[in-house]
Amino acid sequence: VHLQKYFLAATLSSSVGIYGPVFE
């Protein structure tokens, strides 16, 4: 799930962000 969400965010939009290290 986490891999899917980051991949989609990072390739659908040219700007992306995460709150970490909670996310990873």
PDBML (XML) file of the C-alpha atoms, coordinates in Angstrom:
<?xml version="1.0" encoding="UTF-8" ?>
<PDBx:datablock datablockName="MODEL"
   xmlns:PDBx="http://pdbml.pdb.org/schema/pdbx-v50.xsd"
   xmlns:xsi="http://www.w3.org/2001/XMLSchema-instance"
   xsi:schemaLocation="http://pdbml.pdb.org/schema/pdbx-v50.xsd pdbx-v50.xsd">
   <PDBx:atom_siteCategory>
      <PDBx:atom_site id="1">
         <PDBx:B_iso_or_equiv>0.00</PDBx:B_iso_or_equiv>
         <PDBx:Cartn_x>0.000</PDBx:Cartn_x>
         <PDBx:Cartn_y>0.000</PDBx:Cartn_y>
         <PDBx:Cartn_z>0.000</PDBx:Cartn_z>
         <PDBx:auth_asym_id>A</PDBx:auth_asym_id>
         <PDBx:auth_atom_id>CA</PDBx:auth_atom_id>
         <PDBx:auth_comp_id>VAL</PDBx:auth_comp_id>
         <PDBx:auth_seq_id>1</PDBx:auth_seq_id>
         <PDBx:group_PDB>ATOM</PDBx:group_PDB>
         <PDBx:label_alt_id xsi:nil="true" />
         <PDBx:label_asym_id>A</PDBx:label_asym_id>
         <PDBx:label_atom_id>CA</PDBx:label_atom_id>
         <PDBx:label_comp_id>VAL</PDBx:label_comp_id>
         <PDBx:label_entity_id>1</PDBx:label_entity_id>
         <PDBx:label_seq_id>1</PDBx:label_seq_id>
         <PDBx:occupancy>1.00</PDBx:occupancy>
         <PDBx:pdbx_PDB_model_num>1</PDBx:pdbx_PDB_model_num>
         <PDBx:type_symbol>C</PDBx:type_symbol>
      </PDBx:atom_site>
      <PDBx:atom_site id="2">
         <PDBx:B_iso_or_equiv>0.00</PDBx:B_iso_or_equiv>
         <PDBx:Cartn_x>2.754</PDBx:Cartn_x>
         <PDBx:Cartn_y>2.439</PDBx:Cartn_y>
         <PDBx:Cartn_z>0.916</PDBx:Cartn_z>
         <PDBx:auth_asym_id>A</PDBx:auth_asym_id>
         <PDBx:auth_atom_id>CA</PDBx:auth_atom_id>
         <PDBx:auth_comp_id>HIS</PDBx:auth_comp_id>
         <PDBx:auth_seq_id>2</PDBx:auth_seq_id>
         <PDBx:group_PDB>ATOM</PDBx:group_PDB>
         <PDBx:label_alt_id xsi:nil="true" />
         <PDBx:label_asym_id>A</PDBx:label_asym_id>
         <PDBx:label_atom_id>CA</PDBx:label_atom_id>
         <PDBx:label_comp_id>HIS</PDBx:label_comp_id>
         <PDBx:label_entity_id>1</PDBx:label_entity_id>
         <PDBx:label_seq_id>2</PDBx:label_seq_id>
         <PDBx:occupancy>1.00</PDBx:occupancy>
         <PDBx:pdbx_PDB_model_num>1</PDBx:pdbx_PDB_model_num>
         <PDBx:type_symbol>C</PDBx:type_symbol>
      </PDBx:atom_site>
      <PDBx:atom_site id="3">
         <PDBx:B_iso_or_equiv>0.00</PDBx:B_iso_or_equiv>
         <PDBx:Cartn_x>4.671</PDBx:Cartn_x>
         <PDBx:Cartn_y>1.673</PDBx:Cartn_y>
         <PDBx:Cartn_z>-2.270</PDBx:Cartn_z>
         <PDBx:auth_asym_id>A</PDBx:auth_asym_id>
         <PDBx:auth_atom_id>CA</PDBx:auth_atom_id>
         <PDBx:auth_comp_id>LEU</PDBx:auth_comp_id>
         <PDBx:auth_seq_id>3</PDBx:auth_seq_id>
         <PDBx:group_PDB>ATOM</PDBx:group_PDB>
         <PDBx:label_alt_id xsi:nil="true" />
         <PDBx:label_asym_id>A</PDBx:label_asym_id>
         <PDBx:label_atom_id>CA</PDBx:label_atom_id>
         <PDBx:label_comp_id>LEU</PDBx:label_comp_id>
         <PDBx:label_entity_id>1</PDBx:label_entity_id>
         <PDBx:label_seq_id>3</PDBx:label_seq_id>
         <PDBx:occupancy>1.00</PDBx:occupancy>
         <PDBx:pdbx_PDB_model_num>1</PDBx:pdbx_PDB_model_num>
         <PDBx:type_symbol>C</PDBx:type_symbol>
      </PDBx:atom_site>
      <PDBx:atom_site id="4">
         <PDBx:B_iso_or_equiv>0.00</PDBx:B_iso_or_equiv>
         <PDBx:Cartn_x>1.563</PDBx:Cartn_x>
         <PDBx:Cartn_y>2.169</PDBx:Cartn_y>
         <PDBx:Cartn_z>-4.396</PDBx:Cartn_z>
         <PDBx:auth_asym_id>A</PDBx:auth_asym_id>
         <PDBx:auth_atom_id>CA</PDBx:auth_atom_id>
         <PDBx:auth_comp_id>GLN</PDBx:auth_comp_id>
         <PDBx:auth_seq_id>4</PDBx:auth_seq_id>
         <PDBx:group_PDB>ATOM</PDBx:group_PDB>
         <PDBx:label_alt_id xsi:nil="true" />
         <PDBx:label_asym_id>A</PDBx:label_asym_id>
         <PDBx:label_atom_id>CA</PDBx:label_atom_id>
         <PDBx:label_comp_id>GLN</PDBx:label_comp_id>
         <PDBx:label_entity_id>1</PDBx:label_entity_id>
         <PDBx:label_seq_id>4</PDBx:label_seq_id>
         <PDBx:occupancy>1.00</PDBx:occupancy>
         <PDBx:pdbx_PDB_model_num>1</PDBx:pdbx_PDB_model_num>
         <PDBx:type_symbol>C</PDBx:type_symbol>
      </PDBx:atom_site>
      <PDBx:atom_site id="5">
         <PDBx:B_iso_or_equiv>0.00</PDBx:B_iso_or_equiv>
         <PDBx:Cartn_x>0.669</PDBx:Cartn_x>
         <PDBx:Cartn_y>5.488</PDBx:Cartn_y>
         <PDBx:Cartn_z>-2.807</PDBx:Cartn_z>
         <PDBx:auth_asym_id>A</PDBx:auth_asym_id>
         <PDBx:auth_atom_id>CA</PDBx:auth_atom_id>
         <PDBx:auth_comp_id>LYS</PDBx:auth_comp_id>
         <PDBx:auth_seq_id>5</PDBx:auth_seq_id>
         <PDBx:group_PDB>ATOM</PDBx:group_PDB>
         <PDBx:label_alt_id xsi:nil="true" />
         <PDBx:label_asym_id>A</PDBx:label_asym_id>
         <PDBx:label_atom_id>CA</PDBx:label_atom_id>
         <PDBx:label_comp_id>LYS</PDBx:label_comp_id>
         <PDBx:label_entity_id>1</PDBx:label_entity_id>
         <PDBx:label_seq_id>5</PDBx:label_seq_id>
         <PDBx:occupancy>1.00</PDBx:occupancy>
         <PDBx:pdbx_PDB_model_num>1</PDBx:pdbx_PDB_model_num>
         <PDBx:type_symbol>C</PDBx:type_symbol>
      </PDBx:atom_site>
      <PDBx:atom_site id="6">
         <PDBx:B_iso_or_equiv>0.00</PDBx:B_iso_or_equiv>
         <PDBx:Cartn_x>4.143</PDBx:Cartn_x>
         <PDBx:Cartn_y>6.954</PDBx:Cartn_y>
         <PDBx:Cartn_z>-3.164</PDBx:Cartn_z>
         <PDBx:auth_asym_id>A</PDBx:auth_asym_id>
         <PDBx:auth_atom_id>CA</PDBx:auth_atom_id>
         <PDBx:auth_comp_id>TYR</PDBx:auth_comp_id>
         <PDBx:auth_seq_id>6</PDBx:auth_seq_id>
         <PDBx:group_PDB>ATOM</PDBx:group_PDB>
         <PDBx:label_alt_id xsi:nil="true" />
         <PDBx:label_asym_id>A</PDBx:label_asym_id>
         <PDBx:label_atom_id>CA</PDBx:label_atom_id>
         <PDBx:label_comp_id>TYR</PDBx:label_comp_id>
         <PDBx:label_entity_id>1</PDBx:label_entity_id>
         <PDBx:label_seq_id>6</PDBx:label_seq_id>
         <PDBx:occupancy>1.00</PDBx:occupancy>
         <PDBx:pdbx_PDB_model_num>1</PDBx:pdbx_PDB_model_num>
         <PDBx:type_symbol>C</PDBx:type_symbol>
      </PDBx:atom_site>
      <PDBx:atom_site id="7">
         <PDBx:B_iso_or_equiv>0.00</PDBx:B_iso_or_equiv>
         <PDBx:Cartn_x>4.555</PDBx:Cartn_x>
         <PDBx:Cartn_y>5.737</PDBx:Cartn_y>
         <PDBx:Cartn_z>-6.733</PDBx:Cartn_z>
         <PDBx:auth_asym_id>A</PDBx:auth_asym_id>
         <PDBx:auth_atom_id>CA</PDBx:auth_atom_id>
         <PDBx:auth_comp_id>PHE</PDBx:auth_comp_id>
         <PDBx:auth_seq_id>7</PDBx:auth_seq_id>
         <PDBx:group_PDB>ATOM</PDBx:group_PDB>
         <PDBx:label_alt_id xsi:nil="true" />
         <PDBx:label_asym_id>A</PDBx:label_asym_id>
         <PDBx:label_atom_id>CA</PDBx:label_atom_id>
         <PDBx:label_comp_id>PHE</PDBx:label_comp_id>
         <PDBx:label_entity_id>1</PDBx:label_entity_id>
         <PDBx:label_seq_id>7</PDBx:label_seq_id>
         <PDBx:occupancy>1.00</PDBx:occupancy>
         <PDBx:pdbx_PDB_model_num>1</PDBx:pdbx_PDB_model_num>
         <PDBx:type_symbol>C</PDBx:type_symbol>
      </PDBx:atom_site>
      <PDBx:atom_site id="8">
         <PDBx:B_iso_or_equiv>0.00</PDBx:B_iso_or_equiv>
         <PDBx:Cartn_x>1.209</PDBx:Cartn_x>
         <PDBx:Cartn_y>7.228</PDBx:Cartn_y>
         <PDBx:Cartn_z>-7.770</PDBx:Cartn_z>
         <PDBx:auth_asym_id>A</PDBx:auth_asym_id>
         <PDBx:auth_atom_id>CA</PDBx:auth_atom_id>
         <PDBx:auth_comp_id>LEU</PDBx:auth_comp_id>
         <PDBx:auth_seq_id>8</PDBx:auth_seq_id>
         <PDBx:group_PDB>ATOM</PDBx:group_PDB>
         <PDBx:label_alt_id xsi:nil="true" />
         <PDBx:label_asym_id>A</PDBx:label_asym_id>
         <PDBx:label_atom_id>CA</PDBx:label_atom_id>
         <PDBx:label_comp_id>LEU</PDBx:label_comp_id>
         <PDBx:label_entity_id>1</PDBx:label_entity_id>
         <PDBx:label_seq_id>8</PDBx:label_seq_id>
         <PDBx:occupancy>1.00</PDBx:occupancy>
         <PDBx:pdbx_PDB_model_num>1</PDBx:pdbx_PDB_model_num>
         <PDBx:type_symbol>C</PDBx:type_symbol>
      </PDBx:atom_site>
      <PDBx:atom_site id="9">
         <PDBx:B_iso_or_equiv>0.00</PDBx:B_iso_or_equiv>
         <PDBx:Cartn_x>1.888</PDBx:Cartn_x>
         <PDBx:Cartn_y>10.520</PDBx:Cartn_y>
         <PDBx:Cartn_z>-5.999</PDBx:Cartn_z>
         <PDBx:auth_asym_id>A</PDBx:auth_asym_id>
         <PDBx:auth_atom_id>CA</PDBx:auth_atom_id>
         <PDBx:auth_comp_id>ALA</PDBx:auth_comp_id>
         <PDBx:auth_seq_id>9</PDBx:auth_seq_id>
         <PDBx:group_PDB>ATOM</PDBx:group_PDB>
         <PDBx:label_alt_id xsi:nil="true" />
         <PDBx:label_asym_id>A</PDBx:label_asym_id>
         <PDBx:label_atom_id>CA</PDBx:label_atom_id>
         <PDBx:label_comp_id>ALA</PDBx:label_comp_id>
         <PDBx:label_entity_id>1</PDBx:label_entity_id>
         <PDBx:label_seq_id>9</PDBx:label_seq_id>
         <PDBx:occupancy>1.00</PDBx:occupancy>
         <PDBx:pdbx_PDB_model_num>1</PDBx:pdbx_PDB_model_num>
         <PDBx:type_symbol>C</PDBx:type_symbol>
      </PDBx:atom_site>
      <PDBx:atom_site id="10">
         <PDBx:B_iso_or_equiv>0.00</PDBx:B_iso_or_equiv>
         <PDBx:Cartn_x>5.387</PDBx:Cartn_x>
         <PDBx:Cartn_y>10.844</PDBx:Cartn_y>
         <PDBx:Cartn_z>-7.459</PDBx:Cartn_z>
         <PDBx:auth_asym_id>A</PDBx:auth_asym_id>
         <PDBx:auth_atom_id>CA</PDBx:auth_atom_id>
         <PDBx:auth_comp_id>ALA</PDBx:auth_comp_id>
         <PDBx:auth_seq_id>10</PDBx:auth_seq_id>
         <PDBx:group_PDB>ATOM</PDBx:group_PDB>
         <PDBx:label_alt_id xsi:nil="true" />
         <PDBx:label_asym_id>A</PDBx:label_asym_id>
         <PDBx:label_atom_id>CA</PDBx:label_atom_id>
         <PDBx:label_comp_id>ALA</PDBx:label_comp_id>
         <PDBx:label_entity_id>1</PDBx:label_entity_id>
         <PDBx:label_seq_id>10</PDBx:label_seq_id>
         <PDBx:occupancy>1.00</PDBx:occupancy>
         <PDBx:pdbx_PDB_model_num>1</PDBx:pdbx_PDB_model_num>
         <PDBx:type_symbol>C</PDBx:type_symbol>
      </PDBx:atom_site>
      <PDBx:atom_site id="11">
         <PDBx:B_iso_or_equiv>0.00</PDBx:B_iso_or_equiv>
         <PDBx:Cartn_x>4.464</PDBx:Cartn_x>
         <PDBx:Cartn_y>10.019</PDBx:Cartn_y>
         <PDBx:Cartn_z>-11.048</PDBx:Cartn_z>
         <PDBx:auth_asym_id>A</PDBx:auth_asym_id>
         <PDBx:auth_atom_id>CA</PDBx:auth_atom_id>
         <PDBx:auth_comp_id>THR</PDBx:auth_comp_id>
         <PDBx:auth_seq_id>11</PDBx:auth_seq_id>
         <PDBx:group_PDB>ATOM</PDBx:group_PDB>
         <PDBx:label_alt_id xsi:nil="true" />
         <PDBx:label_asym_id>A</PDBx:label_asym_id>
         <PDBx:label_atom_id>CA</PDBx:label_atom_id>
         <PDBx:label_comp_id>THR</PDBx:label_comp_id>
         <PDBx:label_entity_id>1</PDBx:label_entity_id>
         <PDBx:label_seq_id>11</PDBx:label_seq_id>
         <PDBx:occupancy>1.00</PDBx:occupancy>
         <PDBx:pdbx_PDB_model_num>1</PDBx:pdbx_PDB_model_num>
         <PDBx:type_symbol>C</PDBx:type_symbol>
      </PDBx:atom_site>
      <PDBx:atom_site id="12">
         <PDBx:B_iso_or_equiv>0.00</PDBx:B_iso_or_equiv>
         <PDBx:Cartn_x>1.007</PDBx:Cartn_x>
         <PDBx:Cartn_y>11.582</PDBx:Cartn_y>
         <PDBx:Cartn_z>-11.367</PDBx:Cartn_z>
         <PDBx:auth_asym_id>A</PDBx:auth_asym_id>
         <PDBx:auth_atom_id>CA</PDBx:auth_atom_id>
         <PDBx:auth_comp_id>LEU</PDBx:auth_comp_id>
         <PDBx:auth_seq_id>12</PDBx:auth_seq_id>
         <PDBx:group_PDB>ATOM</PDBx:group_PDB>
         <PDBx:label_alt_id xsi:nil="true" />
         <PDBx:label_asym_id>A</PDBx:label_asym_id>
         <PDBx:label_atom_id>CA</PDBx:label_atom_id>
         <PDBx:label_comp_id>LEU</PDBx:label_comp_id>
         <PDBx:label_entity_id>1</PDBx:label_entity_id>
         <PDBx:label_seq_id>12</PDBx:label_seq_id>
         <PDBx:occupancy>1.00</PDBx:occupancy>
         <PDBx:pdbx_PDB_model_num>1</PDBx:pdbx_PDB_model_num>
         <PDBx:type_symbol>C</PDBx:type_symbol>
      </PDBx:atom_site>
      <PDBx:atom_site id="13">
         <PDBx:B_iso_or_equiv>0.00</PDBx:B_iso_or_equiv>
         <PDBx:Cartn_x>2.157</PDBx:Cartn_x>
         <PDBx:Cartn_y>14.931</PDBx:Cartn_y>
         <PDBx:Cartn_z>-9.946</PDBx:Cartn_z>
         <PDBx:auth_asym_id>A</PDBx:auth_asym_id>
         <PDBx:auth_atom_id>CA</PDBx:auth_atom_id>
         <PDBx:auth_comp_id>SER</PDBx:auth_comp_id>
         <PDBx:auth_seq_id>13</PDBx:auth_seq_id>
         <PDBx:group_PDB>ATOM</PDBx:group_PDB>
         <PDBx:label_alt_id xsi:nil="true" />
         <PDBx:label_asym_id>A</PDBx:label_asym_id>
         <PDBx:label_atom_id>CA</PDBx:label_atom_id>
         <PDBx:label_comp_id>SER</PDBx:label_comp_id>
         <PDBx:label_entity_id>1</PDBx:label_entity_id>
         <PDBx:label_seq_id>13</PDBx:label_seq_id>
         <PDBx:occupancy>1.00</PDBx:occupancy>
         <PDBx:pdbx_PDB_model_num>1</PDBx:pdbx_PDB_model_num>
         <PDBx:type_symbol>C</PDBx:type_symbol>
      </PDBx:atom_site>
      <PDBx:atom_site id="14">
         <PDBx:B_iso_or_equiv>0.00</PDBx:B_iso_or_equiv>
         <PDBx:Cartn_x>5.431</PDBx:Cartn_x>
         <PDBx:Cartn_y>16.739</PDBx:Cartn_y>
         <PDBx:Cartn_z>-10.544</PDBx:Cartn_z>
         <PDBx:auth_asym_id>A</PDBx:auth_asym_id>
         <PDBx:auth_atom_id>CA</PDBx:auth_atom_id>
         <PDBx:auth_comp_id>SER</PDBx:auth_comp_id>
         <PDBx:auth_seq_id>14</PDBx:auth_seq_id>
         <PDBx:group_PDB>ATOM</PDBx:group_PDB>
         <PDBx:label_alt_id xsi:nil="true" />
         <PDBx:label_asym_id>A</PDBx:label_asym_id>
         <PDBx:label_atom_id>CA</PDBx:label_atom_id>
         <PDBx:label_comp_id>SER</PDBx:label_comp_id>
         <PDBx:label_entity_id>1</PDBx:label_entity_id>
         <PDBx:label_seq_id>14</PDBx:label_seq_id>
         <PDBx:occupancy>1.00</PDBx:occupancy>
         <PDBx:pdbx_PDB_model_num>1</PDBx:pdbx_PDB_model_num>
         <PDBx:type_symbol>C</PDBx:type_symbol>
      </PDBx:atom_site>
      <PDBx:atom_site id="15">
         <PDBx:B_iso_or_equiv>0.00</PDBx:B_iso_or_equiv>
         <PDBx:Cartn_x>5.479</PDBx:Cartn_x>
         <PDBx:Cartn_y>17.815</PDBx:Cartn_y>
         <PDBx:Cartn_z>-6.883</PDBx:Cartn_z>
         <PDBx:auth_asym_id>A</PDBx:auth_asym_id>
         <PDBx:auth_atom_id>CA</PDBx:auth_atom_id>
         <PDBx:auth_comp_id>SER</PDBx:auth_comp_id>
         <PDBx:auth_seq_id>15</PDBx:auth_seq_id>
         <PDBx:group_PDB>ATOM</PDBx:group_PDB>
         <PDBx:label_alt_id xsi:nil="true" />
         <PDBx:label_asym_id>A</PDBx:label_asym_id>
         <PDBx:label_atom_id>CA</PDBx:label_atom_id>
         <PDBx:label_comp_id>SER</PDBx:label_comp_id>
         <PDBx:label_entity_id>1</PDBx:label_entity_id>
         <PDBx:label_seq_id>15</PDBx:label_seq_id>
         <PDBx:occupancy>1.00</PDBx:occupancy>
         <PDBx:pdbx_PDB_model_num>1</PDBx:pdbx_PDB_model_num>
         <PDBx:type_symbol>C</PDBx:type_symbol>
      </PDBx:atom_site>
      <PDBx:atom_site id="16">
         <PDBx:B_iso_or_equiv>0.00</PDBx:B_iso_or_equiv>
         <PDBx:Cartn_x>5.197</PDBx:Cartn_x>
         <PDBx:Cartn_y>15.249</PDBx:Cartn_y>
         <PDBx:Cartn_z>-4.107</PDBx:Cartn_z>
         <PDBx:auth_asym_id>A</PDBx:auth_asym_id>
         <PDBx:auth_atom_id>CA</PDBx:auth_atom_id>
         <PDBx:auth_comp_id>VAL</PDBx:auth_comp_id>
         <PDBx:auth_seq_id>16</PDBx:auth_seq_id>
         <PDBx:group_PDB>ATOM</PDBx:group_PDB>
         <PDBx:label_alt_id xsi:nil="true" />
         <PDBx:label_asym_id>A</PDBx:label_asym_id>
         <PDBx:label_atom_id>CA</PDBx:label_atom_id>
         <PDBx:label_comp_id>VAL</PDBx:label_comp_id>
         <PDBx:label_entity_id>1</PDBx:label_entity_id>
         <PDBx:label_seq_id>16</PDBx:label_seq_id>
         <PDBx:occupancy>1.00</PDBx:occupancy>
         <PDBx:pdbx_PDB_model_num>1</PDBx:pdbx_PDB_model_num>
         <PDBx:type_symbol>C</PDBx:type_symbol>
      </PDBx:atom_site>
      <PDBx:atom_site id="17">
         <PDBx:B_iso_or_equiv>0.00</PDBx:B_iso_or_equiv>
         <PDBx:Cartn_x>5.762</PDBx:Cartn_x>
         <PDBx:Cartn_y>15.097</PDBx:Cartn_y>
         <PDBx:Cartn_z>-0.375</PDBx:Cartn_z>
         <PDBx:auth_asym_id>A</PDBx:auth_asym_id>
         <PDBx:auth_atom_id>CA</PDBx:auth_atom_id>
         <PDBx:auth_comp_id>GLY</PDBx:auth_comp_id>
         <PDBx:auth_seq_id>17</PDBx:auth_seq_id>
         <PDBx:group_PDB>ATOM</PDBx:group_PDB>
         <PDBx:label_alt_id xsi:nil="true" />
         <PDBx:label_asym_id>A</PDBx:label_asym_id>
         <PDBx:label_atom_id>CA</PDBx:label_atom_id>
         <PDBx:label_comp_id>GLY</PDBx:label_comp_id>
         <PDBx:label_entity_id>1</PDBx:label_entity_id>
         <PDBx:label_seq_id>17</PDBx:label_seq_id>
         <PDBx:occupancy>1.00</PDBx:occupancy>
         <PDBx:pdbx_PDB_model_num>1</PDBx:pdbx_PDB_model_num>
         <PDBx:type_symbol>C</PDBx:type_symbol>
      </PDBx:atom_site>
      <PDBx:atom_site id="18">
         <PDBx:B_iso_or_equiv>0.00</PDBx:B_iso_or_equiv>
         <PDBx:Cartn_x>5.644</PDBx:Cartn_x>
         <PDBx:Cartn_y>12.740</PDBx:Cartn_y>
         <PDBx:Cartn_z>2.591</PDBx:Cartn_z>
         <PDBx:auth_asym_id>A</PDBx:auth_asym_id>
         <PDBx:auth_atom_id>CA</PDBx:auth_atom_id>
         <PDBx:auth_comp_id>ILE</PDBx:auth_comp_id>
         <PDBx:auth_seq_id>18</PDBx:auth_seq_id>
         <PDBx:group_PDB>ATOM</PDBx:group_PDB>
         <PDBx:label_alt_id xsi:nil="true" />
         <PDBx:label_asym_id>A</PDBx:label_asym_id>
         <PDBx:label_atom_id>CA</PDBx:label_atom_id>
         <PDBx:label_comp_id>ILE</PDBx:label_comp_id>
         <PDBx:label_entity_id>1</PDBx:label_entity_id>
         <PDBx:label_seq_id>18</PDBx:label_seq_id>
         <PDBx:occupancy>1.00</PDBx:occupancy>
         <PDBx:pdbx_PDB_model_num>1</PDBx:pdbx_PDB_model_num>
         <PDBx:type_symbol>C</PDBx:type_symbol>
      </PDBx:atom_site>
      <PDBx:atom_site id="19">
         <PDBx:B_iso_or_equiv>0.00</PDBx:B_iso_or_equiv>
         <PDBx:Cartn_x>5.666</PDBx:Cartn_x>
         <PDBx:Cartn_y>13.088</PDBx:Cartn_y>
         <PDBx:Cartn_z>6.344</PDBx:Cartn_z>
         <PDBx:auth_asym_id>A</PDBx:auth_asym_id>
         <PDBx:auth_atom_id>CA</PDBx:auth_atom_id>
         <PDBx:auth_comp_id>TYR</PDBx:auth_comp_id>
         <PDBx:auth_seq_id>19</PDBx:auth_seq_id>
         <PDBx:group_PDB>ATOM</PDBx:group_PDB>
         <PDBx:label_alt_id xsi:nil="true" />
         <PDBx:label_asym_id>A</PDBx:label_asym_id>
         <PDBx:label_atom_id>CA</PDBx:label_atom_id>
         <PDBx:label_comp_id>TYR</PDBx:label_comp_id>
         <PDBx:label_entity_id>1</PDBx:label_entity_id>
         <PDBx:label_seq_id>19</PDBx:label_seq_id>
         <PDBx:occupancy>1.00</PDBx:occupancy>
         <PDBx:pdbx_PDB_model_num>1</PDBx:pdbx_PDB_model_num>
         <PDBx:type_symbol>C</PDBx:type_symbol>
      </PDBx:atom_site>
      <PDBx:atom_site id="20">
         <PDBx:B_iso_or_equiv>0.00</PDBx:B_iso_or_equiv>
         <PDBx:Cartn_x>8.421</PDBx:Cartn_x>
         <PDBx:Cartn_y>10.812</PDBx:Cartn_y>
         <PDBx:Cartn_z>7.549</PDBx:Cartn_z>
         <PDBx:auth_asym_id>A</PDBx:auth_asym_id>
         <PDBx:auth_atom_id>CA</PDBx:auth_atom_id>
         <PDBx:auth_comp_id>GLY</PDBx:auth_comp_id>
         <PDBx:auth_seq_id>20</PDBx:auth_seq_id>
         <PDBx:group_PDB>ATOM</PDBx:group_PDB>
         <PDBx:label_alt_id xsi:nil="true" />
         <PDBx:label_asym_id>A</PDBx:label_asym_id>
         <PDBx:label_atom_id>CA</PDBx:label_atom_id>
         <PDBx:label_comp_id>GLY</PDBx:label_comp_id>
         <PDBx:label_entity_id>1</PDBx:label_entity_id>
         <PDBx:label_seq_id>20</PDBx:label_seq_id>
         <PDBx:occupancy>1.00</PDBx:occupancy>
         <PDBx:pdbx_PDB_model_num>1</PDBx:pdbx_PDB_model_num>
         <PDBx:type_symbol>C</PDBx:type_symbol>
      </PDBx:atom_site>
      <PDBx:atom_site id="21">
         <PDBx:B_iso_or_equiv>0.00</PDBx:B_iso_or_equiv>
         <PDBx:Cartn_x>9.840</PDBx:Cartn_x>
         <PDBx:Cartn_y>8.685</PDBx:Cartn_y>
         <PDBx:Cartn_z>8.869</PDBx:Cartn_z>
         <PDBx:auth_asym_id>A</PDBx:auth_asym_id>
         <PDBx:auth_atom_id>CA</PDBx:auth_atom_id>
         <PDBx:auth_comp_id>PRO</PDBx:auth_comp_id>
         <PDBx:auth_seq_id>21</PDBx:auth_seq_id>
         <PDBx:group_PDB>ATOM</PDBx:group_PDB>
         <PDBx:label_alt_id xsi:nil="true" />
         <PDBx:label_asym_id>A</PDBx:label_asym_id>
         <PDBx:label_atom_id>CA</PDBx:label_atom_id>
         <PDBx:label_comp_id>PRO</PDBx:label_comp_id>
         <PDBx:label_entity_id>1</PDBx:label_entity_id>
         <PDBx:label_seq_id>21</PDBx:label_seq_id>
         <PDBx:occupancy>1.00</PDBx:occupancy>
         <PDBx:pdbx_PDB_model_num>1</PDBx:pdbx_PDB_model_num>
         <PDBx:type_symbol>C</PDBx:type_symbol>
      </PDBx:atom_site>
      <PDBx:atom_site id="22">
         <PDBx:B_iso_or_equiv>0.00</PDBx:B_iso_or_equiv>
         <PDBx:Cartn_x>6.249</PDBx:Cartn_x>
         <PDBx:Cartn_y>7.780</PDBx:Cartn_y>
         <PDBx:Cartn_z>9.718</PDBx:Cartn_z>
         <PDBx:auth_asym_id>A</PDBx:auth_asym_id>
         <PDBx:auth_atom_id>CA</PDBx:auth_atom_id>
         <PDBx:auth_comp_id>VAL</PDBx:auth_comp_id>
         <PDBx:auth_seq_id>22</PDBx:auth_seq_id>
         <PDBx:group_PDB>ATOM</PDBx:group_PDB>
         <PDBx:label_alt_id xsi:nil="true" />
         <PDBx:label_asym_id>A</PDBx:label_asym_id>
         <PDBx:label_atom_id>CA</PDBx:label_atom_id>
         <PDBx:label_comp_id>VAL</PDBx:label_comp_id>
         <PDBx:label_entity_id>1</PDBx:label_entity_id>
         <PDBx:label_seq_id>22</PDBx:label_seq_id>
         <PDBx:occupancy>1.00</PDBx:occupancy>
         <PDBx:pdbx_PDB_model_num>1</PDBx:pdbx_PDB_model_num>
         <PDBx:type_symbol>C</PDBx:type_symbol>
      </PDBx:atom_site>
      <PDBx:atom_site id="23">
         <PDBx:B_iso_or_equiv>0.00</PDBx:B_iso_or_equiv>
         <PDBx:Cartn_x>5.460</PDBx:Cartn_x>
         <PDBx:Cartn_y>7.028</PDBx:Cartn_y>
         <PDBx:Cartn_z>6.070</PDBx:Cartn_z>
         <PDBx:auth_asym_id>A</PDBx:auth_asym_id>
         <PDBx:auth_atom_id>CA</PDBx:auth_atom_id>
         <PDBx:auth_comp_id>PHE</PDBx:auth_comp_id>
         <PDBx:auth_seq_id>23</PDBx:auth_seq_id>
         <PDBx:group_PDB>ATOM</PDBx:group_PDB>
         <PDBx:label_alt_id xsi:nil="true" />
         <PDBx:label_asym_id>A</PDBx:label_asym_id>
         <PDBx:label_atom_id>CA</PDBx:label_atom_id>
         <PDBx:label_comp_id>PHE</PDBx:label_comp_id>
         <PDBx:label_entity_id>1</PDBx:label_entity_id>
         <PDBx:label_seq_id>23</PDBx:label_seq_id>
         <PDBx:occupancy>1.00</PDBx:occupancy>
         <PDBx:pdbx_PDB_model_num>1</PDBx:pdbx_PDB_model_num>
         <PDBx:type_symbol>C</PDBx:type_symbol>
      </PDBx:atom_site>
      <PDBx:atom_site id="24">
         <PDBx:B_iso_or_equiv>0.00</PDBx:B_iso_or_equiv>
         <PDBx:Cartn_x>8.452</PDBx:Cartn_x>
         <PDBx:Cartn_y>4.893</PDBx:Cartn_y>
         <PDBx:Cartn_z>5.124</PDBx:Cartn_z>
         <PDBx:auth_asym_id>A</PDBx:auth_asym_id>
         <PDBx:auth_atom_id>CA</PDBx:auth_atom_id>
         <PDBx:auth_comp_id>GLU</PDBx:auth_comp_id>
         <PDBx:auth_seq_id>24</PDBx:auth_seq_id>
         <PDBx:group_PDB>ATOM</PDBx:group_PDB>
         <PDBx:label_alt_id xsi:nil="true" />
         <PDBx:label_asym_id>A</PDBx:label_asym_id>
         <PDBx:label_atom_id>CA</PDBx:label_atom_id>
         <PDBx:label_comp_id>GLU</PDBx:label_comp_id>
         <PDBx:label_entity_id>1</PDBx:label_entity_id>
         <PDBx:label_seq_id>24</PDBx:label_seq_id>
         <PDBx:occupancy>1.00</PDBx:occupancy>
         <PDBx:pdbx_PDB_model_num>1</PDBx:pdbx_PDB_model_num>
         <PDBx:type_symbol>C</PDBx:type_symbol>
      </PDBx:atom_site>
   </PDBx:atom_siteCategory>
</PDBx:datablock>
